[in-house]
Protein backbone atom coordinates (compact mmCIF):
# COMPACT_ATOMS: atom_id res chain seq x y z
CA UNK A 1 0.01 0.04 -0.05
CA UNK A 2 1.24 3.59 -0.68
CA UNK A 3 0.27 6.53 1.43
CA UNK A 4 0.17 9.39 -0.78
CA UNK A 5 1.14 12.58 1.12
CA UNK A 6 -0.27 16.07 0.68
CA UNK A 7 2.75 17.40 -1.32
CA UNK A 8 2.20 14.77 -4.11
CA UNK A 9 -1.54 15.25 -4.34
CA UNK A 10 -0.79 19.04 -4.61
CA UNK A 11 1.78 18.34 -7.39
CA UNK A 12 -0.66 16.04 -9.08
CA UNK A 13 -3.61 18.48 -8.95
CA UNK A 14 -1.25 21.44 -10.22
CA UNK A 15 -1.83 21.94 -13.97
CA UNK A 16 1.92 21.98 -14.71
CA UNK A 17 3.55 18.54 -15.34
CA UNK A 18 5.95 17.07 -12.71
CA UNK A 19 7.87 13.86 -12.02
CA UNK A 20 5.82 13.24 -8.83
CA UNK A 21 2.47 14.01 -10.59
CA UNK A 22 3.42 11.71 -13.48
CA UNK A 23 4.23 9.01 -11.08
CA UNK A 24 1.00 9.26 -9.27
CA UNK A 25 -0.99 9.26 -12.51
CA UNK A 26 1.03 6.07 -13.24
CA UNK A 27 0.17 4.43 -10.07
CA UNK A 28 -3.51 5.32 -10.46
CA UNK A 29 -3.38 3.94 -14.17
CA UNK A 30 -1.90 0.54 -12.99
CA UNK A 31 -4.35 0.30 -9.96
CA UNK A 32 -1.65 0.48 -7.32
CA UNK A 33 -3.17 0.28 -3.76
CA UNK A 34 -3.12 3.93 -2.85
CA UNK A 35 -4.41 5.48 0.43
CA UNK A 36 -4.79 8.78 2.16
CA UNK A 37 -5.43 9.97 5.78
CA UNK A 38 -7.95 12.49 7.11
CA UNK A 39 -5.22 14.74 7.82
CA UNK A 40 -3.84 14.70 4.28
CA UNK A 41 -7.35 15.15 2.83
CA UNK A 42 -7.82 18.21 5.05
CA UNK A 43 -4.49 19.63 3.97
CA UNK A 44 -5.27 19.32 0.35
CA UNK A 45 -8.67 20.76 0.65
CA UNK A 46 -7.74 23.61 2.78
CA UNK A 47 -5.17 24.75 0.24
CA UNK A 48 -7.61 24.98 -2.72
CA UNK A 49 -8.71 28.00 -4.41
CA UNK A 50 -11.50 26.35 -6.53
CA UNK A 51 -14.38 24.26 -6.04
CA UNK A 52 -13.61 21.40 -3.63
CA UNK A 53 -16.11 18.80 -4.81
CA UNK A 54 -14.11 17.37 -7.76
CA UNK A 55 -11.03 17.15 -5.70
CA UNK A 56 -13.16 15.41 -2.84
CA UNK A 57 -14.31 13.04 -5.41
CA UNK A 58 -10.56 12.12 -6.44
CA UNK A 59 -9.38 11.79 -2.94
CA UNK A 60 -12.43 9.79 -1.90
CA UNK A 61 -11.53 6.96 -4.40
CA UNK A 62 -8.67 5.80 -2.06
CA UNK A 63 -8.69 3.88 1.32
CA UNK A 64 -8.65 6.23 4.30
CA UNK A 65 -6.21 5.19 6.94
CA UNK A 66 -7.59 5.89 10.39
CA UNK A 67 -5.73 6.08 13.56
CA UNK A 68 -5.90 2.89 15.77
CA UNK A 69 -7.04 4.58 18.99
CA UNK A 70 -4.58 5.92 21.35
CA UNK A 71 -1.68 3.87 20.22
CA UNK A 72 -1.34 5.86 16.97
CA UNK A 73 -0.95 9.08 18.83
CA UNK A 74 1.35 7.53 21.29
CA UNK A 75 3.66 6.36 18.37
CA UNK A 76 3.35 9.70 16.75
CA UNK A 77 4.56 11.44 20.00
CA UNK A 78 7.47 8.93 20.23
CA UNK A 79 8.41 9.72 16.65
CA UNK A 80 8.22 13.39 17.39
CA UNK A 81 10.25 13.16 20.57
CA UNK A 82 13.09 11.01 19.07
CA UNK A 83 13.20 13.34 15.99
CA UNK A 84 13.58 16.35 18.30
CA UNK A 85 16.34 14.46 20.22
CA UNK A 86 18.22 13.92 16.87
CA UNK A 87 17.79 17.56 15.92
CA UNK A 88 15.02 17.05 13.40
CA UNK A 89 12.11 19.59 13.52
CA UNK A 90 8.81 17.80 12.85
CA UNK A 91 5.37 18.96 12.87
CA UNK A 92 2.75 17.02 14.91
CA UNK A 93 0.69 16.41 11.62
CA UNK A 94 3.72 14.83 9.97
CA UNK A 95 4.40 12.80 13.01
CA UNK A 96 0.81 11.39 13.13
CA UNK A 97 1.17 10.79 9.17
CA UNK A 98 4.29 8.91 9.73
CA UNK A 99 2.84 6.95 12.69
CA UNK A 100 -0.17 5.85 10.55
CA UNK A 101 2.19 4.88 7.55
CA UNK A 102 3.95 2.64 10.14
CA UNK A 103 0.78 1.31 11.56
CA UNK A 104 -0.47 0.07 8.27
CA UNK A 105 2.87 -0.93 6.85
CA UNK A 106 2.36 1.61 4.00
CA UNK A 107 5.27 3.28 2.01
CA UNK A 108 4.81 6.95 2.00
CA UNK A 109 5.01 8.82 -1.34
CA UNK A 110 5.97 12.38 -0.45
CA UNK A 111 8.09 15.26 -1.63
CA UNK A 112 8.60 16.66 1.94
CA UNK A 113 12.26 15.90 2.80
CA UNK A 114 11.30 15.93 6.52
CA UNK A 115 9.95 12.46 6.16
CA UNK A 116 13.29 11.33 4.48
CA UNK A 117 14.98 12.10 7.70
CA UNK A 118 12.80 9.66 9.65
CA UNK A 119 14.74 6.41 8.53
CA UNK A 120 15.23 5.71 12.27
CA UNK A 121 11.53 4.91 12.51
CA UNK A 122 11.67 2.19 9.84
CA UNK A 123 9.52 4.48 7.66
CA UNK A 124 9.32 3.20 3.90
CA UNK A 125 9.39 5.99 1.34
CA UNK A 126 7.86 5.14 -2.20
CA UNK A 127 10.46 6.09 -4.82
CA UNK A 128 13.17 6.88 -2.29
CA UNK A 129 16.83 5.53 -3.13
């Protein structure tokens, strides 16, 4: 399963062609198992300057990964604290997204380099070398 982050959806929905947008289009075309989270949906929709219904329709096609109770938030806090200890600045939202990807064994497809610094968590990144 591939959890598609906000940065990739924004790239995909932008009218200009890009490598990430092209890769997401390819994944959709081949029927890859894609997923989003409620936080990612909220981030994408809040940044829109156009009608949200078509975008909601696109995002609604994919599995929504939900927190598995308090354990997901405890894991997110642990990721945040360890990142801080290592000198990595992380937002709470990014810590929760990382925890969700780990909970579900999903590879995260993102353009956000902050996630690339979270190798210590075992987070898998789609397309990362």
